[in-house]
Amino acid sequence: LGTALAEAFPEADARDRKAFDVTDPPELGYRPDVVLHAAAWTDVDGAESDPSGAERVNVEGTRNVVALGAPVLYFSTDYVFDGRKGAPYTPTDEPAPQSVYGRTKLEGEQEVRDGWIVRSSWLFGWTGKNFVRTMLGLGADRDEVAVVDDQVGSPTFVGHLAAATRGLVELPYGTYHLAAAGQCSWAEFAEAIFEEAGLSCRVRRIPTAELDRPARRPAYSVLRSDTALPHWREGLRDCLARLG
């Protein structure tokens, strides 16, 4: 997401973790007009075994960013919800995180006084570690992969999210949902990735319980987007084009 934001905001002073670690931020030497805060602990399962590490980044790190004294646009997650609603979540729905990751992201939201909270879901892009890049690697090496089919969300291309963010900073402070149109399960997403990439790898659909992951995940975490983003399938095609 940070890479995509740097492209969408070419006038911004883009800092990676080496240049600006939110857990120990350096002095900027100036007061920003606005801070786009995309730094986060995103290892959902790893947060269960290291909750203090996740809190240090997602909560204390956000507190440090807020201390810069500028309005903050904080990127949050669909995992602040428990997934039991059975319909797309709106910003007014009551959060009920089921994991350390979701809890610390929600607590990060609560650190933002003046600014925007942007919840999105299932982010993927042409850089970093994400589901699309992982599936492409596995699909090139294997005949079959097992992917859960009982979690449903809206895979969101970071390029589309970053572009929509430009318009969001013109809106009043508050909580907004920005996610791709459409919905699918992780298994359906994997099948679409292989189809669009021309890979013959098969997807074996499995229940979440079979993976026995440490962190609980919402079964249905589709967000009702406040700004219309392209369909997740279009985002997938745009991402694959960037990957070549």
C-alpha atoms as a PDB file:
ATOM      1  CA  LEU A   1       0.000   0.000   0.000  1.00  0.00           C
ATOM      2  CA  GLY A   2       2.818   2.397   0.805  1.00  0.00           C
ATOM      3  CA  THR A   3       4.313   1.893  -2.652  1.00  0.00           C
ATOM      4  CA  ALA A   4       0.931   2.563  -4.279  1.00  0.00           C
ATOM      5  CA  LEU A   5       0.381   5.683  -2.152  1.00  0.00           C
ATOM      6  CA  ALA A   6       3.785   7.042  -3.192  1.00  0.00           C
ATOM      7  CA  GLU A   7       2.647   6.762  -6.816  1.00  0.00           C
ATOM      8  CA  ALA A   8      -0.784   8.298  -6.148  1.00  0.00           C
ATOM      9  CA  PHE A   9       0.764  11.169  -4.153  1.00  0.00           C
ATOM     10  CA  PRO A  10       3.983  12.010  -6.050  1.00  0.00           C
ATOM     11  CA  GLU A  11       4.248  15.271  -4.112  1.00  0.00           C
ATOM     12  CA  ALA A  12       4.456  13.387  -0.788  1.00  0.00           C
ATOM     13  CA  ASP A  13       7.564  12.793   1.307  1.00  0.00           C
ATOM     14  CA  ALA A  14       7.411   9.002   1.093  1.00  0.00           C
ATOM     15  CA  ARG A  15       9.261   7.203   3.892  1.00  0.00           C
ATOM     16  CA  ASP A  16       9.810   3.469   4.198  1.00  0.00           C
ATOM     17  CA  ARG A  17      10.461   1.681   7.483  1.00  0.00           C
ATOM     18  CA  LYS A  18      14.218   2.319   7.309  1.00  0.00           C
ATOM     19  CA  ALA A  19      13.639   6.042   6.994  1.00  0.00           C
ATOM     20  CA  PHE A  20      10.688   6.285   9.397  1.00  0.00           C
ATOM     21  CA  ASP A  21      10.017   3.522  11.918  1.00  0.00           C
ATOM     22  CA  VAL A  22       6.726   4.380  13.624  1.00  0.00           C
ATOM     23  CA  THR A  23       7.834   2.633  16.827  1.00  0.00           C
ATOM     24  CA  ASP A  24      10.745   5.094  17.118  1.00  0.00           C
ATOM     25  CA  PRO A  25      10.018   7.947  14.680  1.00  0.00           C
ATOM     26  CA  PRO A  26      12.785  10.409  13.860  1.00  0.00           C
ATOM     27  CA  GLU A  27      12.297  14.162  13.873  1.00  0.00           C
ATOM     28  CA  LEU A  28      10.932  15.305  10.522  1.00  0.00           C
ATOM     29  CA  GLY A  29      12.100  18.878  10.865  1.00  0.00           C
ATOM     30  CA  TYR A  30       8.769  20.177   9.611  1.00  0.00           C
ATOM     31  CA  ARG A  31       5.041  19.787  10.256  1.00  0.00           C
ATOM     32  CA  PRO A  32       3.268  17.823   7.512  1.00  0.00           C
ATOM     33  CA  ASP A  33      -0.037  18.962   6.049  1.00  0.00           C
ATOM     34  CA  VAL A  34      -1.367  15.409   6.427  1.00  0.00           C
ATOM     35  CA  VAL A  35       0.127  12.002   7.202  1.00  0.00           C
ATOM     36  CA  LEU A  36      -0.931   8.913   5.233  1.00  0.00           C
ATOM     37  CA  HIS A  37      -0.282   6.230   7.839  1.00  0.00           C
ATOM     38  CA  ALA A  38       0.095   2.855   6.091  1.00  0.00           C
ATOM     39  CA  ALA A  39       2.646   1.292   8.470  1.00  0.00           C
ATOM     40  CA  ALA A  40       1.251  -1.715  10.333  1.00  0.00           C
ATOM     41  CA  TRP A  41       1.877  -5.127  11.813  1.00  0.00           C
ATOM     42  CA  THR A  42      -0.060  -7.295   9.355  1.00  0.00           C
ATOM     43  CA  ASP A  43       1.077 -10.807  10.345  1.00  0.00           C
ATOM     44  CA  VAL A  44      -2.311 -11.962  11.615  1.00  0.00           C
ATOM     45  CA  ASP A  45      -1.148 -15.284  13.043  1.00  0.00           C
ATOM     46  CA  GLY A  46       2.154 -13.897  14.293  1.00  0.00           C
ATOM     47  CA  ALA A  47       0.288 -11.313  16.365  1.00  0.00           C
ATOM     48  CA  GLU A  48      -1.246 -14.107  18.439  1.00  0.00           C
ATOM     49  CA  SER A  49       2.176 -15.201  19.687  1.00  0.00           C
ATOM     50  CA  ASP A  50       3.556 -11.663  19.990  1.00  0.00           C
ATOM     51  CA  PRO A  51       0.691  -9.384  21.037  1.00  0.00           C
ATOM     52  CA  SER A  52       3.063  -6.812  22.531  1.00  0.00           C
ATOM     53  CA  GLY A  53       4.870  -6.548  19.181  1.00  0.00           C
ATOM     54  CA  ALA A  54       1.601  -5.995  17.323  1.00  0.00           C
ATOM     55  CA  GLU A  55       0.519  -3.419  19.901  1.00  0.00           C
ATOM     56  CA  ARG A  56       3.851  -1.617  19.672  1.00  0.00           C
ATOM     57  CA  VAL A  57       3.391  -1.117  15.923  1.00  0.00           C
ATOM     58  CA  ASN A  58      -0.367  -0.777  15.500  1.00  0.00           C
ATOM     59  CA  VAL A  59      -1.220   1.180  18.654  1.00  0.00           C
ATOM     60  CA  GLU A  60       1.917   2.873  19.983  1.00  0.00           C
ATOM     61  CA  GLY A  61       3.146   3.455  16.433  1.00  0.00           C
ATOM     62  CA  THR A  62      -0.082   5.218  15.542  1.00  0.00           C
ATOM     63  CA  ARG A  63       0.188   7.284  18.724  1.00  0.00           C
ATOM     64  CA  ASN A  64       3.645   8.376  17.588  1.00  0.00           C
ATOM     65  CA  VAL A  65       2.325   9.348  14.167  1.00  0.00           C
ATOM     66  CA  VAL A  66      -0.513  11.367  15.736  1.00  0.00           C
ATOM     67  CA  ALA A  67       2.105  13.147  17.883  1.00  0.00           C
ATOM     68  CA  LEU A  68       3.521  14.734  14.717  1.00  0.00           C
ATOM     69  CA  GLY A  69       0.641  17.197  15.079  1.00  0.00           C
ATOM     70  CA  ALA A  70      -0.856  16.830  11.602  1.00  0.00           C
ATOM     71  CA  PRO A  71      -4.160  15.291  10.467  1.00  0.00           C
ATOM     72  CA  VAL A  72      -3.717  11.531  10.034  1.00  0.00           C
ATOM     73  CA  LEU A  73      -5.257   9.200   7.489  1.00  0.00           C
ATOM     74  CA  TYR A  74      -5.068   5.803   9.178  1.00  0.00           C
ATOM     75  CA  PHE A  75      -5.555   2.612   7.192  1.00  0.00           C
ATOM     76  CA  SER A  76      -7.473  -0.014   9.121  1.00  0.00           C
ATOM     77  CA  THR A  77      -8.997  -3.392   8.312  1.00  0.00           C
ATOM     78  CA  ASP A  78     -12.133  -5.469   7.917  1.00  0.00           C
ATOM     79  CA  TYR A  79     -10.763  -7.683  10.699  1.00  0.00           C
ATOM     80  CA  VAL A  80     -12.107  -5.216  13.289  1.00  0.00           C
ATOM     81  CA  PHE A  81     -15.444  -7.029  12.729  1.00  0.00           C
ATOM     82  CA  ASP A  82     -16.434 -10.515  13.877  1.00  0.00           C
ATOM     83  CA  GLY A  83     -17.938 -11.599  10.539  1.00  0.00           C
ATOM     84  CA  ARG A  84     -21.315 -12.615  11.962  1.00  0.00           C
ATOM     85  CA  LYS A  85     -23.467  -9.895  10.395  1.00  0.00           C
ATOM     86  CA  GLY A  86     -23.971 -11.765   7.122  1.00  0.00           C
ATOM     87  CA  ALA A  87     -24.220  -8.523   5.144  1.00  0.00           C
ATOM     88  CA  PRO A  88     -21.693  -5.863   4.107  1.00  0.00           C
ATOM     89  CA  TYR A  89     -20.388  -3.842   7.028  1.00  0.00           C
ATOM     90  CA  THR A  90     -20.880  -0.077   7.216  1.00  0.00           C
ATOM     91  CA  PRO A  91     -18.769   2.392   9.209  1.00  0.00           C
ATOM     92  CA  THR A  92     -21.518   2.633  11.843  1.00  0.00           C
ATOM     93  CA  ASP A  93     -21.517  -1.110  12.596  1.00  0.00           C
ATOM     94  CA  GLU A  94     -20.082  -2.026  15.978  1.00  0.00           C
ATOM     95  CA  PRO A  95     -16.575  -3.534  15.763  1.00  0.00           C
ATOM     96  CA  ALA A  96     -15.901  -6.832  17.520  1.00  0.00           C
ATOM     97  CA  PRO A  97     -12.392  -8.044  16.598  1.00  0.00           C
ATOM     98  CA  GLN A  98     -11.689 -11.751  17.007  1.00  0.00           C
ATOM     99  CA  SER A  99      -7.889 -11.632  16.895  1.00  0.00           C
ATOM    100  CA  VAL A 100      -4.959  -9.716  18.363  1.00  0.00           C
ATOM    101  CA  TYR A 101      -4.379  -8.181  14.947  1.00  0.00           C
ATOM    102  CA  GLY A 102      -7.970  -6.937  14.693  1.00  0.00           C
ATOM    103  CA  ARG A 103      -7.946  -5.670  18.272  1.00  0.00           C
ATOM    104  CA  THR A 104      -4.712  -3.710  17.864  1.00  0.00           C
ATOM    105  CA  LYS A 105      -5.874  -2.188  14.584  1.00  0.00           C
ATOM    106  CA  LEU A 106      -9.095  -1.071  16.284  1.00  0.00           C
ATOM    107  CA  GLU A 107      -7.094   0.398  19.174  1.00  0.00           C
ATOM    108  CA  GLY A 108      -4.984   2.171  16.552  1.00  0.00           C
ATOM    109  CA  GLU A 109      -8.172   3.714  15.159  1.00  0.00           C
ATOM    110  CA  GLN A 110      -8.946   5.074  18.615  1.00  0.00           C
ATOM    111  CA  GLU A 111      -5.616   6.940  18.690  1.00  0.00           C
ATOM    112  CA  VAL A 112      -6.666   9.133  15.741  1.00  0.00           C
ATOM    113  CA  ARG A 113      -8.178  12.415  16.915  1.00  0.00           C
ATOM    114  CA  ASP A 114      -8.133  14.631  13.831  1.00  0.00           C
ATOM    115  CA  GLY A 115      -8.216  12.748  10.564  1.00  0.00           C
ATOM    116  CA  TRP A 116      -9.698   9.869   8.642  1.00  0.00           C
ATOM    117  CA  ILE A 117      -9.976   6.169   9.414  1.00  0.00           C
ATOM    118  CA  VAL A 118     -10.070   4.095   6.230  1.00  0.00           C
ATOM    119  CA  ARG A 119     -11.033   0.442   6.557  1.00  0.00           C
ATOM    120  CA  SER A 120     -10.225  -1.764   3.611  1.00  0.00           C
ATOM    121  CA  SER A 121      -9.896  -5.498   3.061  1.00  0.00           C
ATOM    122  CA  TRP A 122      -7.717  -8.269   1.648  1.00  0.00           C
ATOM    123  CA  LEU A 123      -5.133  -5.923   0.138  1.00  0.00           C
ATOM    124  CA  PHE A 124      -2.942  -7.117  -2.716  1.00  0.00           C
ATOM    125  CA  GLY A 125      -0.474  -5.452  -5.050  1.00  0.00           C
ATOM    126  CA  TRP A 126       2.584  -5.803  -7.209  1.00  0.00           C
ATOM    127  CA  THR A 127       5.062  -5.453  -4.318  1.00  0.00           C
ATOM    128  CA  GLY A 128       5.438  -6.933  -0.851  1.00  0.00           C
ATOM    129  CA  LYS A 129       3.991 -10.112   0.605  1.00  0.00           C
ATOM    130  CA  ASN A 130       0.356 -10.682  -0.335  1.00  0.00           C
ATOM    131  CA  PHE A 131      -2.041 -13.406  -1.462  1.00  0.00           C
ATOM    132  CA  VAL A 132      -1.710 -12.792  -5.200  1.00  0.00           C
ATOM    133  CA  ARG A 133       2.080 -12.991  -5.210  1.00  0.00           C
ATOM    134  CA  THR A 134       1.994 -16.043  -2.938  1.00  0.00           C
ATOM    135  CA  MET A 135      -0.503 -17.884  -5.152  1.00  0.00           C
ATOM    136  CA  LEU A 136       1.475 -17.062  -8.297  1.00  0.00           C
ATOM    137  CA  GLY A 137       4.575 -18.595  -6.729  1.00  0.00           C
ATOM    138  CA  LEU A 138       2.738 -21.716  -5.556  1.00  0.00           C
ATOM    139  CA  GLY A 139       0.794 -22.062  -8.801  1.00  0.00           C
ATOM    140  CA  ALA A 140       3.988 -22.084 -10.836  1.00  0.00           C
ATOM    141  CA  ASP A 141       5.459 -24.931  -8.762  1.00  0.00           C
ATOM    142  CA  ARG A 142       2.489 -27.119  -7.823  1.00  0.00           C
ATOM    143  CA  ASP A 143      -0.362 -28.964  -9.484  1.00  0.00           C
ATOM    144  CA  GLU A 144      -2.745 -28.242  -6.605  1.00  0.00           C
ATOM    145  CA  VAL A 145      -3.046 -25.898  -3.614  1.00  0.00           C
ATOM    146  CA  ALA A 146      -5.474 -26.047  -0.684  1.00  0.00           C
ATOM    147  CA  VAL A 147      -7.321 -22.782  -0.022  1.00  0.00           C
ATOM    148  CA  VAL A 148     -10.109 -22.003   2.447  1.00  0.00           C
ATOM    149  CA  ASP A 149     -13.587 -21.555   1.018  1.00  0.00           C
ATOM    150  CA  ASP A 150     -15.532 -20.420   4.100  1.00  0.00           C
ATOM    151  CA  GLN A 151     -14.108 -16.899   4.465  1.00  0.00           C
ATOM    152  CA  VAL A 152     -15.657 -14.247   2.206  1.00  0.00           C
ATOM    153  CA  GLY A 153     -14.392 -10.735   1.590  1.00  0.00           C
ATOM    154  CA  SER A 154     -13.557  -8.160  -1.071  1.00  0.00           C
ATOM    155  CA  PRO A 155      -9.969  -8.434  -2.380  1.00  0.00           C
ATOM    156  CA  THR A 156      -8.800  -4.869  -2.928  1.00  0.00           C
ATOM    157  CA  PHE A 157      -6.013  -3.771  -5.289  1.00  0.00           C
ATOM    158  CA  VAL A 158      -3.753  -1.244  -3.568  1.00  0.00           C
ATOM    159  CA  GLY A 159      -3.526   0.818  -6.752  1.00  0.00           C
ATOM    160  CA  HIS A 160      -7.266   1.415  -6.720  1.00  0.00           C
ATOM    161  CA  LEU A 161      -7.298   2.087  -2.967  1.00  0.00           C
ATOM    162  CA  ALA A 162      -4.457   4.607  -3.209  1.00  0.00           C
ATOM    163  CA  ALA A 163      -6.156   6.441  -6.095  1.00  0.00           C
ATOM    164  CA  ALA A 164      -9.416   6.668  -4.126  1.00  0.00           C
ATOM    165  CA  THR A 165      -7.511   8.060  -1.155  1.00  0.00           C
ATOM    166  CA  ARG A 166      -6.758  11.269  -3.064  1.00  0.00           C
ATOM    167  CA  GLY A 167     -10.442  12.125  -3.063  1.00  0.00           C
ATOM    168  CA  LEU A 168     -10.972  11.021   0.509  1.00  0.00           C
ATOM    169  CA  VAL A 169      -8.655  13.620   2.027  1.00  0.00           C
ATOM    170  CA  GLU A 170     -11.035  16.289   0.669  1.00  0.00           C
ATOM    171  CA  LEU A 171     -13.887  14.882   2.777  1.00  0.00           C
ATOM    172  CA  PRO A 172     -14.692  15.656   6.439  1.00  0.00           C
ATOM    173  CA  TYR A 173     -12.838  13.733   9.140  1.00  0.00           C
ATOM    174  CA  GLY A 174     -14.447  10.416  10.028  1.00  0.00           C
ATOM    175  CA  THR A 175     -14.496   6.668   9.424  1.00  0.00           C
ATOM    176  CA  TYR A 176     -14.844   5.419   5.857  1.00  0.00           C
ATOM    177  CA  HIS A 177     -14.898   2.048   4.131  1.00  0.00           C
ATOM    178  CA  LEU A 178     -12.975   1.702   0.857  1.00  0.00           C
ATOM    179  CA  ALA A 179     -12.914  -1.743  -0.695  1.00  0.00           C
ATOM    180  CA  ALA A 180     -13.291  -3.331  -4.109  1.00  0.00           C
ATOM    181  CA  ALA A 181     -16.697  -4.046  -5.579  1.00  0.00           C
ATOM    182  CA  GLY A 182     -17.850  -7.659  -5.472  1.00  0.00           C
ATOM    183  CA  GLN A 183     -17.017 -10.453  -3.082  1.00  0.00           C
ATOM    184  CA  CYS A 184     -15.499 -13.930  -3.131  1.00  0.00           C
ATOM    185  CA  SER A 185     -13.924 -16.573  -0.934  1.00  0.00           C
ATOM    186  CA  TRP A 186     -10.165 -17.073  -0.735  1.00  0.00           C
ATOM    187  CA  ALA A 187     -10.575 -20.226  -2.832  1.00  0.00           C
ATOM    188  CA  GLU A 188     -12.511 -18.355  -5.527  1.00  0.00           C
ATOM    189  CA  PHE A 189      -9.862 -15.650  -5.484  1.00  0.00           C
ATOM    190  CA  ALA A 190      -7.111 -18.239  -5.949  1.00  0.00           C
ATOM    191  CA  GLU A 191      -8.983 -19.811  -8.864  1.00  0.00           C
ATOM    192  CA  ALA A 192      -9.330 -16.397 -10.501  1.00  0.00           C
ATOM    193  CA  ILE A 193      -5.604 -15.719 -10.027  1.00  0.00           C
ATOM    194  CA  PHE A 194      -4.644 -18.972 -11.762  1.00  0.00           C
ATOM    195  CA  GLU A 195      -7.183 -18.393 -14.532  1.00  0.00           C
ATOM    196  CA  GLU A 196      -6.054 -14.816 -15.245  1.00  0.00           C
ATOM    197  CA  ALA A 197      -2.376 -15.788 -15.056  1.00  0.00           C
ATOM    198  CA  GLY A 198      -2.804 -18.821 -17.326  1.00  0.00           C
ATOM    199  CA  LEU A 199      -1.662 -21.313 -14.681  1.00  0.00           C
ATOM    200  CA  SER A 200      -3.048 -24.847 -14.660  1.00  0.00           C
ATOM    201  CA  CYS A 201      -2.818 -25.273 -10.882  1.00  0.00           C
ATOM    202  CA  ARG A 202      -5.987 -26.655  -9.264  1.00  0.00           C
ATOM    203  CA  VAL A 203      -7.564 -25.317  -6.077  1.00  0.00           C
ATOM    204  CA  ARG A 204      -8.706 -27.782  -3.427  1.00  0.00           C
ATOM    205  CA  ARG A 205     -11.367 -26.040  -1.363  1.00  0.00           C
ATOM    206  CA  ILE A 206     -11.075 -26.645   2.378  1.00  0.00           C
ATOM    207  CA  PRO A 207     -12.718 -25.314   5.568  1.00  0.00           C
ATOM    208  CA  THR A 208     -10.815 -22.877   7.761  1.00  0.00           C
ATOM    209  CA  ALA A 209     -10.723 -25.448  10.576  1.00  0.00           C
ATOM    210  CA  GLU A 210      -8.519 -27.702   8.461  1.00  0.00           C
ATOM    211  CA  LEU A 211      -5.709 -25.140   8.504  1.00  0.00           C
ATOM    212  CA  ASP A 212      -5.773 -24.844  12.308  1.00  0.00           C
ATOM    213  CA  ARG A 213      -4.424 -21.272  12.259  1.00  0.00           C
ATOM    214  CA  PRO A 214      -3.708 -19.498  15.582  1.00  0.00           C
ATOM    215  CA  ALA A 215      -5.823 -16.406  14.821  1.00  0.00           C
ATOM    216  CA  ARG A 216      -9.577 -16.405  14.320  1.00  0.00           C
ATOM    217  CA  ARG A 217     -10.737 -14.727  11.121  1.00  0.00           C
ATOM    218  CA  PRO A 218     -14.176 -13.327  10.272  1.00  0.00           C
ATOM    219  CA  ALA A 219     -16.194 -15.648   8.052  1.00  0.00           C
ATOM    220  CA  TYR A 220     -17.819 -12.732   6.213  1.00  0.00           C
ATOM    221  CA  SER A 221     -16.049  -9.376   6.238  1.00  0.00           C
ATOM    222  CA  VAL A 222     -17.309  -7.624   3.104  1.00  0.00           C
ATOM    223  CA  LEU A 223     -17.291  -3.830   3.503  1.00  0.00           C
ATOM    224  CA  ARG A 224     -19.888  -1.498   2.017  1.00  0.00           C
ATOM    225  CA  SER A 225     -17.612   1.001   0.297  1.00  0.00           C
ATOM    226  CA  ASP A 226     -18.267   4.717   0.676  1.00  0.00           C
ATOM    227  CA  THR A 227     -16.559   5.361  -2.676  1.00  0.00           C
ATOM    228  CA  ALA A 228     -17.081   3.089  -5.653  1.00  0.00           C
ATOM    229  CA  LEU A 229     -13.878   1.167  -6.364  1.00  0.00           C
ATOM    230  CA  PRO A 230     -13.499  -1.137  -9.387  1.00  0.00           C
ATOM    231  CA  HIS A 231     -14.454  -4.808  -9.073  1.00  0.00           C
ATOM    232  CA  TRP A 232     -11.845  -7.016  -7.425  1.00  0.00           C
ATOM    233  CA  ARG A 233     -11.441  -8.962 -10.668  1.00  0.00           C
ATOM    234  CA  GLU A 234     -10.477  -5.756 -12.488  1.00  0.00           C
ATOM    235  CA  GLY A 235      -8.026  -5.047  -9.701  1.00  0.00           C
ATOM    236  CA  LEU A 236      -6.534  -8.503 -10.160  1.00  0.00           C
ATOM    237  CA  ARG A 237      -6.022  -7.882 -13.876  1.00  0.00           C
ATOM    238  CA  ASP A 238      -4.396  -4.514 -13.178  1.00  0.00           C
ATOM    239  CA  CYS A 239      -2.110  -6.109 -10.602  1.00  0.00           C
ATOM    240  CA  LEU A 240      -1.051  -8.909 -12.964  1.00  0.00           C
ATOM    241  CA  ALA A 241      -0.313  -6.325 -15.637  1.00  0.00           C
ATOM    242  CA  ARG A 242       2.004  -4.525 -13.215  1.00  0.00           C
ATOM    243  CA  LEU A 243       3.691  -7.844 -12.433  1.00  0.00           C
ATOM    244  CA  GLY A 244       4.237  -8.484 -16.139  1.00  0.00           C
END
